[in-house]
């Protein structure tokens, strides 16, 4: 399963607690009008919670009236360029709407390869509204025209972390953060390899392995499962991933020498290996 599919699966299971949030997400799903199994199930869940029906046809007029997409003159639903702003007044509703838009028209690249988030929109007004909502959370979404569609996108890793948080995809956010930490560490290693001795390179690679082991323990059994001296060491290594052992030891209270730091980190790695098996 791709990273994008994992994010969508997680979001498809998340339903806002408030009626106004559920209406905002339903409005996005109906505005983008994309068909797939995940979306159909999400729409069914929202319809059941909001209107006690299982499909649009059971009470089409009431559903579309609730999301401000009913044409009284023609007695039929319509999809406006922009969703009525009354549905998007609260921050939680904006989050729900962005979540629905991404579920219906979005994708996100594999973070191991690149950082790219986008939502494809049918109309410029739709794209501009989504851009404004995303940017209201302190991001810098852009719009580009592509094959008669308008694409709202983000390209920086930190902003993609932010948008996952906005959409409340917390599991995906944690996975992305782990990838970012390791990528940044490896990039640092590569820079050092080009200008420093093999000895320093070996030291940094060891630090990368230590961070990987600590992250693994954090995400499986939790760092609180470690003895206090090892937990303190693990937290320090995450805080100072590139610090040499001697420097790490000075941050402890009382300070510990290089060999003592190395001993604790080796114990942590041994626990991680045992946990993996």
Foldseek 3Di string as FASTA:
>chain_A
DFLFVVLLVLLLPDADPDLLLLLLLLLLLVLLVADDDSSLVSNQVSCCVNPVDRDCVVPVQVSQVSFVQADPVVRGGHRDLDGPCVSVPDLSNLLSNLSSQCSRFKGFHRLLVFGKIKGKAQDPSNLVVNQVSLCVQVDHWDWDDDPNIIMTMDGDLVSVLVSSVSNPSVVSSLVSVVSVVLVVLVVVLVVCPVPHDVVLSVQSVVLSLLLVLLSLCCVPVRLVVDPPVLSVLSVLCVVVSNDQQQVSQVPDVVGDGSVVSVVSSVVSNVVSVVVVD
